[in-house]
Each structure stands twice: as structure tokens, then as C-alpha cells.
Amino acid sequence: MNKKEFLKALSNCEENIIQIFLDSISKAGVDYCVIGGLAVNAYAEPVVSLDLDIVVYTADIDATCKAVEDHFKIEHFAHSINLSSNKSDLRIQIQTDERYQDFIARAKTLSVLGYEMKVASVEDVLQGKMWAYSDKQRRQSKRQKDLADIIRLVEIYPYLESKLPGSIQKLIE
């Protein structure tokens, strides 16, 4: 079983949801980058995640939704647009927080569990994880996963530790 097959099996995919999504936005000319746990997996030893967190330019949000509307249920929330399919347990979340917009220009194409996709730079992935960990509105279990992701990145890229606020540095020592 290759990495793609593993992720498809893990997320109960009846269809290749990730590839459908990537092909749809590519056809629509939408630029993007992956952030979140799957982005961490591009830089560190992979861990299981059923979320694909991405950023598209604000001006491309409508085009993105239009491009995927035939394949996904679309739900709008305060800081995200969530895409789901009854043919997969995988959830795609489009982050609409403006802080992530600059990540797209610095992204590069990497392999994530067998899929070639644009991934935020390791520094930007770390920044996103620090924002997520610092968000007291998030569930404690999610924040602990964010902290674990921060630790995974710093273990592989020790220079990133200098980018951490003191409060997070103390937690990982």
C-alpha cells in the first residue's frame, strides 16, 4: 500500500477527494497553500490527520467554492469555509483568516502522503501552528496537537526554536 492508498483507506474515500479538490482548483486557476497538520507532515515524520487545511487568496474564495461545488458540501464559518463529501471522512478547511494570505507566495510544491501540493514554508507552517496553539478558543485537545506539531518541527529544524515565544519555548524544554 502506498501513501496515497493509505490516506484514502484511512479516510474511507470512495473517491480520490484530495485529487478532485486539487484538480478542481487548479483548473479554476486558484493559487493556494497547505497549512496545518498535513503541512507539518511535509516537513516531519507523518502523523494521521483527516483535515486538509489550506489558504487561498481572498479574491479567489468565490472561484474556489464554484470550482468544487459539484463535489463538496460547502459550509461558511467565521474564519473558515469547510468542504466535505459523503464519499470521504476527510475534511477540507479553507482558512479565511487574513494573517495567512502571505503564506501562499512563499509556498513550494512538496509531496504530502503521496500527493504533490503547494505547502507553506516550514517557517510559515510553524507560525500558523503557534497562532493555533495560542488561540484559547480552540479545544484543549486541538491545542495540544498544535503544540506536538510545533515540537515535531523544532526537532527536525532546530533553528526554528529561536522563532518561538518564550512561553512556548519553556513548554518544549
N, C-alpha and C. Protein backbone atom coordinates (compact mmCIF):
# COMPACT_ATOMS: atom_id res chain seq x y z
N MET A 1 0.86 -1.17 0.00
CA MET A 1 0.00 0.00 0.00
C MET A 1 0.91 1.24 0.00
N ASN A 2 0.68 2.14 -0.95
CA ASN A 2 1.47 3.36 -0.98
C ASN A 2 0.82 4.43 -0.10
N LYS A 3 1.46 5.59 0.00
CA LYS A 3 0.98 6.65 0.90
C LYS A 3 -0.41 7.15 0.52
N LYS A 4 -0.66 7.34 -0.78
CA LYS A 4 -1.98 7.79 -1.22
C LYS A 4 -3.04 6.77 -0.84
N GLU A 5 -2.75 5.51 -1.10
CA GLU A 5 -3.72 4.45 -0.77
C GLU A 5 -3.98 4.40 0.72
N PHE A 6 -2.92 4.62 1.53
CA PHE A 6 -3.08 4.64 2.98
C PHE A 6 -4.04 5.75 3.41
N LEU A 7 -3.80 6.97 2.89
CA LEU A 7 -4.66 8.09 3.27
C LEU A 7 -6.08 7.87 2.79
N LYS A 8 -6.25 7.35 1.59
CA LYS A 8 -7.59 7.07 1.08
C LYS A 8 -8.30 6.03 1.94
N ALA A 9 -7.58 4.99 2.35
CA ALA A 9 -8.18 3.95 3.20
C ALA A 9 -8.51 4.52 4.58
N LEU A 10 -7.60 5.29 5.13
CA LEU A 10 -7.79 5.89 6.44
C LEU A 10 -9.03 6.79 6.47
N SER A 11 -9.24 7.54 5.39
CA SER A 11 -10.36 8.49 5.35
C SER A 11 -11.60 7.91 4.67
N ASN A 12 -11.63 6.60 4.48
CA ASN A 12 -12.79 5.93 3.88
C ASN A 12 -13.20 6.56 2.56
N CYS A 13 -12.23 6.88 1.73
CA CYS A 13 -12.52 7.55 0.46
C CYS A 13 -13.08 6.57 -0.56
N GLU A 14 -14.28 6.87 -1.03
CA GLU A 14 -14.83 6.16 -2.17
C GLU A 14 -14.32 6.78 -3.47
N GLU A 15 -13.91 8.04 -3.38
CA GLU A 15 -13.31 8.77 -4.49
C GLU A 15 -12.04 9.43 -3.98
N ASN A 16 -11.17 9.78 -4.88
CA ASN A 16 -9.92 10.43 -4.51
C ASN A 16 -10.20 11.92 -4.26
N ILE A 17 -10.75 12.21 -3.11
CA ILE A 17 -11.23 13.54 -2.76
C ILE A 17 -10.12 14.60 -2.84
N ILE A 18 -8.94 14.28 -2.36
CA ILE A 18 -7.85 15.27 -2.40
C ILE A 18 -7.52 15.62 -3.84
N GLN A 19 -7.38 14.60 -4.68
CA GLN A 19 -7.03 14.87 -6.07
C GLN A 19 -8.14 15.62 -6.79
N ILE A 20 -9.39 15.28 -6.50
CA ILE A 20 -10.52 16.00 -7.09
C ILE A 20 -10.46 17.47 -6.70
N PHE A 21 -10.19 17.73 -5.42
CA PHE A 21 -10.08 19.11 -4.94
C PHE A 21 -8.94 19.84 -5.63
N LEU A 22 -7.75 19.23 -5.62
CA LEU A 22 -6.58 19.87 -6.22
C LEU A 22 -6.78 20.12 -7.72
N ASP A 23 -7.34 19.15 -8.42
CA ASP A 23 -7.58 19.32 -9.85
C ASP A 23 -8.61 20.42 -10.11
N SER A 24 -9.65 20.49 -9.28
CA SER A 24 -10.70 21.49 -9.46
C SER A 24 -10.18 22.91 -9.29
N ILE A 25 -9.38 23.13 -8.24
CA ILE A 25 -8.88 24.49 -8.04
C ILE A 25 -7.79 24.84 -9.05
N SER A 26 -7.03 23.84 -9.47
CA SER A 26 -6.02 24.09 -10.49
C SER A 26 -6.68 24.51 -11.80
N LYS A 27 -7.73 23.80 -12.18
CA LYS A 27 -8.46 24.11 -13.41
C LYS A 27 -9.05 25.52 -13.35
N ALA A 28 -9.44 25.95 -12.14
CA ALA A 28 -10.01 27.29 -11.95
C ALA A 28 -8.93 28.36 -11.83
N GLY A 29 -7.65 27.96 -11.82
CA GLY A 29 -6.55 28.92 -11.73
C GLY A 29 -6.37 29.51 -10.34
N VAL A 30 -6.79 28.78 -9.32
CA VAL A 30 -6.71 29.25 -7.93
C VAL A 30 -5.37 28.85 -7.33
N ASP A 31 -4.64 29.83 -6.82
CA ASP A 31 -3.39 29.57 -6.12
C ASP A 31 -3.71 29.30 -4.65
N TYR A 32 -2.92 28.47 -4.01
CA TYR A 32 -3.22 28.03 -2.65
C TYR A 32 -1.94 27.58 -1.96
N CYS A 33 -2.06 27.28 -0.69
CA CYS A 33 -1.03 26.52 0.01
C CYS A 33 -1.67 25.75 1.15
N VAL A 34 -1.06 24.62 1.46
CA VAL A 34 -1.49 23.77 2.55
C VAL A 34 -0.84 24.28 3.84
N ILE A 35 -1.63 24.33 4.89
CA ILE A 35 -1.15 24.68 6.22
C ILE A 35 -1.61 23.58 7.17
N GLY A 36 -1.37 23.70 8.43
CA GLY A 36 -1.91 22.75 9.40
C GLY A 36 -1.13 21.44 9.46
N GLY A 37 -1.79 20.42 10.00
CA GLY A 37 -1.14 19.14 10.26
C GLY A 37 -0.58 18.45 9.03
N LEU A 38 -1.30 18.49 7.92
CA LEU A 38 -0.76 17.85 6.72
C LEU A 38 0.45 18.60 6.19
N ALA A 39 0.49 19.90 6.41
CA ALA A 39 1.70 20.66 6.03
C ALA A 39 2.87 20.26 6.92
N VAL A 40 2.62 20.05 8.20
CA VAL A 40 3.68 19.57 9.09
C VAL A 40 4.20 18.22 8.56
N ASN A 41 3.29 17.38 8.07
CA ASN A 41 3.69 16.08 7.53
C ASN A 41 4.63 16.19 6.32
N ALA A 42 4.61 17.31 5.64
CA ALA A 42 5.53 17.51 4.52
C ALA A 42 6.96 17.73 5.01
N TYR A 43 7.10 18.18 6.25
CA TYR A 43 8.42 18.52 6.80
C TYR A 43 8.90 17.55 7.88
N ALA A 44 8.00 16.76 8.44
CA ALA A 44 8.34 15.87 9.54
C ALA A 44 7.74 14.50 9.28
N GLU A 45 8.08 13.56 10.11
CA GLU A 45 7.52 12.22 10.01
C GLU A 45 5.99 12.32 10.08
N PRO A 46 5.27 11.73 9.13
CA PRO A 46 3.82 11.91 9.08
C PRO A 46 3.08 11.33 10.29
N VAL A 47 2.04 12.02 10.69
CA VAL A 47 1.08 11.51 11.65
C VAL A 47 -0.30 11.61 11.00
N VAL A 48 -1.23 10.86 11.52
CA VAL A 48 -2.56 10.79 10.93
C VAL A 48 -3.32 12.10 11.12
N SER A 49 -3.95 12.53 10.05
CA SER A 49 -4.83 13.69 10.10
C SER A 49 -5.91 13.52 9.06
N LEU A 50 -7.13 13.84 9.43
CA LEU A 50 -8.24 13.77 8.48
C LEU A 50 -8.67 15.17 8.06
N ASP A 51 -7.80 16.14 8.29
CA ASP A 51 -8.08 17.51 7.90
C ASP A 51 -7.05 17.97 6.87
N LEU A 52 -7.52 18.62 5.83
CA LEU A 52 -6.64 19.28 4.87
C LEU A 52 -6.94 20.77 5.01
N ASP A 53 -6.03 21.49 5.65
CA ASP A 53 -6.19 22.92 5.88
C ASP A 53 -5.44 23.67 4.79
N ILE A 54 -6.13 24.57 4.11
CA ILE A 54 -5.49 25.32 3.04
C ILE A 54 -5.84 26.80 3.14
N VAL A 55 -5.07 27.57 2.40
CA VAL A 55 -5.30 29.01 2.26
C VAL A 55 -5.37 29.30 0.77
N VAL A 56 -6.36 30.09 0.37
CA VAL A 56 -6.41 30.63 -0.99
C VAL A 56 -6.48 32.14 -0.84
N TYR A 57 -6.09 32.84 -1.89
CA TYR A 57 -6.20 34.29 -1.83
C TYR A 57 -7.67 34.67 -1.63
N THR A 58 -7.89 35.68 -0.82
CA THR A 58 -9.23 36.14 -0.52
C THR A 58 -10.03 36.40 -1.79
N ALA A 59 -9.40 36.97 -2.78
CA ALA A 59 -10.08 37.27 -4.05
C ALA A 59 -10.49 36.00 -4.79
N ASP A 60 -9.93 34.85 -4.43
CA ASP A 60 -10.22 33.58 -5.11
C ASP A 60 -11.19 32.68 -4.35
N ILE A 61 -11.71 33.14 -3.23
CA ILE A 61 -12.59 32.29 -2.43
C ILE A 61 -13.84 31.90 -3.21
N ASP A 62 -14.48 32.85 -3.86
CA ASP A 62 -15.69 32.53 -4.63
C ASP A 62 -15.38 31.57 -5.77
N ALA A 63 -14.27 31.78 -6.46
CA ALA A 63 -13.88 30.89 -7.56
C ALA A 63 -13.58 29.49 -7.04
N THR A 64 -12.99 29.41 -5.86
CA THR A 64 -12.70 28.11 -5.25
C THR A 64 -13.99 27.37 -4.95
N CYS A 65 -14.92 28.05 -4.32
CA CYS A 65 -16.20 27.42 -3.98
C CYS A 65 -16.94 26.98 -5.24
N LYS A 66 -16.93 27.82 -6.25
CA LYS A 66 -17.58 27.49 -7.52
C LYS A 66 -16.92 26.26 -8.15
N ALA A 67 -15.60 26.19 -8.10
CA ALA A 67 -14.86 25.10 -8.73
C ALA A 67 -15.14 23.74 -8.07
N VAL A 68 -15.48 23.74 -6.79
CA VAL A 68 -15.65 22.47 -6.08
C VAL A 68 -17.10 22.15 -5.72
N GLU A 69 -18.02 23.02 -6.06
CA GLU A 69 -19.40 22.87 -5.61
C GLU A 69 -20.08 21.58 -6.09
N ASP A 70 -19.63 21.02 -7.19
CA ASP A 70 -20.24 19.77 -7.68
C ASP A 70 -19.78 18.55 -6.89
N HIS A 71 -18.71 18.67 -6.13
CA HIS A 71 -18.14 17.53 -5.43
C HIS A 71 -18.24 17.62 -3.92
N PHE A 72 -18.45 18.83 -3.39
CA PHE A 72 -18.38 19.02 -1.95
C PHE A 72 -19.57 19.79 -1.40
N LYS A 73 -19.93 19.47 -0.16
CA LYS A 73 -20.85 20.30 0.60
C LYS A 73 -20.01 21.46 1.13
N ILE A 74 -20.50 22.68 1.00
CA ILE A 74 -19.75 23.88 1.39
C ILE A 74 -20.46 24.55 2.56
N GLU A 75 -19.72 24.76 3.65
CA GLU A 75 -20.26 25.45 4.83
C GLU A 75 -19.36 26.62 5.17
N HIS A 76 -19.97 27.80 5.34
CA HIS A 76 -19.21 29.01 5.67
C HIS A 76 -19.27 29.27 7.17
N PHE A 77 -18.10 29.56 7.74
CA PHE A 77 -17.99 29.89 9.15
C PHE A 77 -17.23 31.21 9.28
N ALA A 78 -17.08 31.68 10.51
CA ALA A 78 -16.46 32.99 10.74
C ALA A 78 -15.05 33.09 10.16
N HIS A 79 -14.23 32.07 10.33
CA HIS A 79 -12.83 32.14 9.88
C HIS A 79 -12.45 31.01 8.94
N SER A 80 -13.45 30.33 8.41
CA SER A 80 -13.13 29.23 7.50
C SER A 80 -14.34 28.88 6.63
N ILE A 81 -14.02 28.14 5.59
CA ILE A 81 -15.03 27.52 4.75
C ILE A 81 -14.71 26.04 4.77
N ASN A 82 -15.66 25.23 5.19
CA ASN A 82 -15.42 23.80 5.31
C ASN A 82 -16.06 23.06 4.15
N LEU A 83 -15.30 22.14 3.58
CA LEU A 83 -15.76 21.32 2.48
C LEU A 83 -15.80 19.88 2.95
N SER A 84 -16.88 19.20 2.63
CA SER A 84 -16.99 17.79 3.00
C SER A 84 -17.68 17.04 1.87
N SER A 85 -17.51 15.73 1.91
CA SER A 85 -18.11 14.87 0.90
C SER A 85 -18.64 13.63 1.60
N ASN A 86 -19.78 13.15 1.15
CA ASN A 86 -20.31 11.92 1.73
C ASN A 86 -19.52 10.70 1.24
N LYS A 87 -18.51 10.94 0.40
CA LYS A 87 -17.68 9.86 -0.14
C LYS A 87 -16.31 9.78 0.54
N SER A 88 -16.17 10.52 1.66
CA SER A 88 -14.91 10.51 2.38
C SER A 88 -15.08 11.11 3.77
N ASP A 89 -14.26 10.64 4.71
CA ASP A 89 -14.23 11.22 6.05
C ASP A 89 -13.26 12.40 6.12
N LEU A 90 -12.51 12.62 5.05
CA LEU A 90 -11.57 13.73 5.01
C LEU A 90 -12.33 15.06 4.98
N ARG A 91 -11.84 16.03 5.75
CA ARG A 91 -12.44 17.36 5.78
C ARG A 91 -11.44 18.35 5.21
N ILE A 92 -11.91 19.22 4.34
CA ILE A 92 -11.06 20.26 3.79
C ILE A 92 -11.53 21.58 4.38
N GLN A 93 -10.60 22.31 4.97
CA GLN A 93 -10.93 23.58 5.58
C GLN A 93 -10.13 24.69 4.92
N ILE A 94 -10.84 25.63 4.34
CA ILE A 94 -10.20 26.80 3.74
C ILE A 94 -10.13 27.87 4.81
N GLN A 95 -8.94 28.23 5.20
CA GLN A 95 -8.73 29.23 6.25
C GLN A 95 -8.93 30.62 5.64
N THR A 96 -9.80 31.42 6.23
CA THR A 96 -10.07 32.77 5.71
C THR A 96 -9.45 33.88 6.55
N ASP A 97 -8.73 33.51 7.60
CA ASP A 97 -8.04 34.49 8.43
C ASP A 97 -6.98 35.19 7.56
N GLU A 98 -7.04 36.49 7.49
CA GLU A 98 -6.15 37.29 6.63
C GLU A 98 -4.67 37.10 6.95
N ARG A 99 -4.35 36.70 8.18
CA ARG A 99 -2.94 36.54 8.56
C ARG A 99 -2.21 35.51 7.70
N TYR A 100 -2.96 34.59 7.10
CA TYR A 100 -2.35 33.51 6.32
C TYR A 100 -2.11 33.87 4.85
N GLN A 101 -2.60 34.99 4.40
CA GLN A 101 -2.53 35.32 2.97
C GLN A 101 -1.11 35.35 2.41
N ASP A 102 -0.15 35.88 3.16
CA ASP A 102 1.23 35.96 2.67
C ASP A 102 1.90 34.60 2.54
N PHE A 103 1.35 33.57 3.16
CA PHE A 103 1.94 32.24 3.10
C PHE A 103 1.96 31.70 1.67
N ILE A 104 0.95 32.05 0.88
CA ILE A 104 0.79 31.48 -0.47
C ILE A 104 2.00 31.81 -1.34
N ALA A 105 2.46 33.04 -1.30
CA ALA A 105 3.57 33.45 -2.17
C ALA A 105 4.88 32.73 -1.83
N ARG A 106 5.03 32.26 -0.58
CA ARG A 106 6.27 31.60 -0.17
C ARG A 106 6.17 30.07 -0.23
N ALA A 107 5.03 29.56 -0.64
CA ALA A 107 4.81 28.11 -0.67
C ALA A 107 5.60 27.45 -1.79
N LYS A 108 5.86 26.16 -1.60
CA LYS A 108 6.53 25.39 -2.64
C LYS A 108 5.86 24.03 -2.76
N THR A 109 6.00 23.42 -3.92
CA THR A 109 5.38 22.13 -4.16
C THR A 109 6.19 21.04 -3.47
N LEU A 110 5.50 20.27 -2.64
CA LEU A 110 6.10 19.17 -1.89
C LEU A 110 5.17 17.96 -1.96
N SER A 111 5.69 16.82 -1.58
CA SER A 111 4.88 15.61 -1.52
C SER A 111 4.32 15.47 -0.10
N VAL A 112 3.01 15.30 -0.02
CA VAL A 112 2.35 15.09 1.26
C VAL A 112 1.54 13.81 1.13
N LEU A 113 2.01 12.76 1.78
CA LEU A 113 1.37 11.45 1.73
C LEU A 113 1.04 11.03 0.30
N GLY A 114 2.00 11.26 -0.59
CA GLY A 114 1.86 10.82 -1.97
C GLY A 114 1.21 11.82 -2.91
N TYR A 115 0.76 12.93 -2.40
CA TYR A 115 0.14 13.97 -3.22
C TYR A 115 1.12 15.13 -3.40
N GLU A 116 1.26 15.59 -4.62
CA GLU A 116 2.06 16.78 -4.88
C GLU A 116 1.14 17.99 -4.68
N MET A 117 1.52 18.85 -3.74
CA MET A 117 0.70 20.03 -3.48
C MET A 117 1.57 21.16 -2.98
N LYS A 118 1.06 22.38 -3.10
CA LYS A 118 1.79 23.54 -2.61
C LYS A 118 1.63 23.62 -1.10
N VAL A 119 2.77 23.68 -0.42
CA VAL A 119 2.80 23.68 1.04
C VAL A 119 3.46 24.97 1.51
N ALA A 120 2.90 25.57 2.54
CA ALA A 120 3.51 26.76 3.14
C ALA A 120 4.94 26.43 3.55
N SER A 121 5.80 27.45 3.57
CA SER A 121 7.18 27.24 4.01
C SER A 121 7.17 26.71 5.45
N VAL A 122 8.24 26.05 5.84
CA VAL A 122 8.30 25.49 7.19
C VAL A 122 8.15 26.59 8.24
N GLU A 123 8.71 27.77 7.97
CA GLU A 123 8.58 28.89 8.92
C GLU A 123 7.12 29.34 9.02
N ASP A 124 6.42 29.35 7.89
CA ASP A 124 5.01 29.76 7.90
C ASP A 124 4.13 28.69 8.55
N VAL A 125 4.44 27.42 8.31
CA VAL A 125 3.70 26.35 8.98
C VAL A 125 3.85 26.49 10.49
N LEU A 126 5.09 26.74 10.94
CA LEU A 126 5.34 26.95 12.37
C LEU A 126 4.53 28.14 12.88
N GLN A 127 4.53 29.25 12.15
CA GLN A 127 3.77 30.43 12.58
C GLN A 127 2.29 30.10 12.72
N GLY A 128 1.74 29.39 11.75
CA GLY A 128 0.34 29.00 11.81
C GLY A 128 0.04 28.13 13.02
N LYS A 129 0.96 27.21 13.31
CA LYS A 129 0.79 26.35 14.48
C LYS A 129 0.88 27.15 15.78
N MET A 130 1.76 28.15 15.81
CA MET A 130 1.84 28.99 17.02
C MET A 130 0.55 29.78 17.20
N TRP A 131 -0.01 30.33 16.10
CA TRP A 131 -1.29 31.04 16.20
C TRP A 131 -2.38 30.10 16.71
N ALA A 132 -2.41 28.89 16.15
CA ALA A 132 -3.45 27.93 16.55
C ALA A 132 -3.28 27.55 18.02
N TYR A 133 -2.04 27.27 18.44
CA TYR A 133 -1.81 26.88 19.83
C TYR A 133 -2.20 28.02 20.79
N SER A 134 -1.95 29.25 20.40
CA SER A 134 -2.21 30.40 21.26
C SER A 134 -3.69 30.80 21.31
N ASP A 135 -4.51 30.20 20.47
CA ASP A 135 -5.93 30.53 20.41
C ASP A 135 -6.69 29.82 21.53
N LYS A 136 -7.01 30.54 22.57
CA LYS A 136 -7.68 29.98 23.74
C LYS A 136 -9.11 29.51 23.44
N GLN A 137 -9.65 29.90 22.29
CA GLN A 137 -11.00 29.47 21.89
C GLN A 137 -10.99 28.01 21.40
N ARG A 138 -9.81 27.53 20.99
CA ARG A 138 -9.71 26.15 20.48
C ARG A 138 -9.79 25.15 21.63
N ARG A 139 -10.31 23.97 21.31
CA ARG A 139 -10.37 22.90 22.31
C ARG A 139 -8.95 22.56 22.78
N GLN A 140 -8.85 22.19 24.04
CA GLN A 140 -7.54 21.86 24.62
C GLN A 140 -6.87 20.74 23.85
N SER A 141 -7.63 19.74 23.42
CA SER A 141 -7.03 18.62 22.68
C SER A 141 -6.43 19.09 21.36
N LYS A 142 -7.08 20.03 20.68
CA LYS A 142 -6.54 20.58 19.43
C LYS A 142 -5.27 21.39 19.72
N ARG A 143 -5.29 22.16 20.78
CA ARG A 143 -4.12 22.97 21.13
C ARG A 143 -2.93 22.07 21.48
N GLN A 144 -3.18 20.94 22.12
CA GLN A 144 -2.09 20.02 22.45
C GLN A 144 -1.52 19.39 21.18
N LYS A 145 -2.37 19.11 20.20
CA LYS A 145 -1.88 18.60 18.92
C LYS A 145 -1.03 19.67 18.23
N ASP A 146 -1.48 20.93 18.30
CA ASP A 146 -0.69 22.03 17.72
C ASP A 146 0.68 22.12 18.38
N LEU A 147 0.72 21.98 19.70
CA LEU A 147 2.00 22.01 20.42
C LEU A 147 2.88 20.84 19.99
N ALA A 148 2.29 19.66 19.85
CA ALA A 148 3.06 18.50 19.39
C ALA A 148 3.61 18.75 17.99
N ASP A 149 2.83 19.38 17.12
CA ASP A 149 3.30 19.71 15.78
C ASP A 149 4.46 20.71 15.83
N ILE A 150 4.38 21.69 16.73
CA ILE A 150 5.47 22.65 16.92
C ILE A 150 6.74 21.90 17.33
N ILE A 151 6.60 21.00 18.27
CA ILE A 151 7.75 20.22 18.74
C ILE A 151 8.33 19.38 17.60
N ARG A 152 7.47 18.75 16.81
CA ARG A 152 7.95 17.94 15.67
C ARG A 152 8.78 18.78 14.72
N LEU A 153 8.31 19.99 14.43
CA LEU A 153 9.05 20.86 13.51
C LEU A 153 10.39 21.30 14.10
N VAL A 154 10.39 21.68 15.37
CA VAL A 154 11.62 22.16 16.01
C VAL A 154 12.64 21.04 16.16
N GLU A 155 12.18 19.81 16.38
CA GLU A 155 13.12 18.69 16.47
C GLU A 155 13.87 18.48 15.16
N ILE A 156 13.20 18.67 14.05
CA ILE A 156 13.84 18.45 12.74
C ILE A 156 14.57 19.70 12.26
N TYR A 157 14.04 20.87 12.61
CA TYR A 157 14.63 22.15 12.21
C TYR A 157 14.94 22.96 13.47
N PRO A 158 16.02 22.64 14.17
CA PRO A 158 16.33 23.28 15.45
C PRO A 158 16.40 24.81 15.39
N TYR A 159 16.76 25.37 14.24
CA TYR A 159 16.83 26.83 14.15
C TYR A 159 15.47 27.49 14.37
N LEU A 160 14.39 26.73 14.20
CA LEU A 160 13.05 27.29 14.40
C LEU A 160 12.77 27.63 15.86
N GLU A 161 13.49 27.01 16.77
CA GLU A 161 13.25 27.27 18.20
C GLU A 161 13.40 28.75 18.52
N SER A 162 14.32 29.43 17.83
CA SER A 162 14.53 30.86 18.09
C SER A 162 13.32 31.70 17.67
N LYS A 163 12.43 31.14 16.88
CA LYS A 163 11.24 31.87 16.43
C LYS A 163 10.06 31.71 17.40
N LEU A 164 10.22 30.84 18.38
CA LEU A 164 9.14 30.58 19.34
C LEU A 164 9.11 31.63 20.43
N PRO A 165 7.91 32.03 20.84
CA PRO A 165 7.83 32.91 22.02
C PRO A 165 8.30 32.17 23.25
N GLY A 166 8.78 32.90 24.23
CA GLY A 166 9.31 32.30 25.44
C GLY A 166 8.35 31.34 26.12
N SER A 167 7.07 31.65 26.09
CA SER A 167 6.08 30.79 26.75
C SER A 167 6.02 29.41 26.11
N ILE A 168 6.21 29.33 24.80
CA ILE A 168 6.21 28.03 24.12
C ILE A 168 7.57 27.37 24.28
N GLN A 169 8.65 28.13 24.24
CA GLN A 169 9.99 27.56 24.45
C GLN A 169 10.06 26.82 25.78
N LYS A 170 9.49 27.42 26.83
CA LYS A 170 9.52 26.80 28.15
C LYS A 170 8.78 25.46 28.15
N LEU A 171 7.71 25.37 27.38
CA LEU A 171 6.92 24.14 27.35
C LEU A 171 7.64 23.00 26.66
N ILE A 172 8.54 23.32 25.73
CA ILE A 172 9.18 22.24 24.98
C ILE A 172 10.57 21.87 25.50
N GLU A 173 11.03 22.58 26.52
CA GLU A 173 12.36 22.27 27.08
C GLU A 173 12.29 21.05 27.96
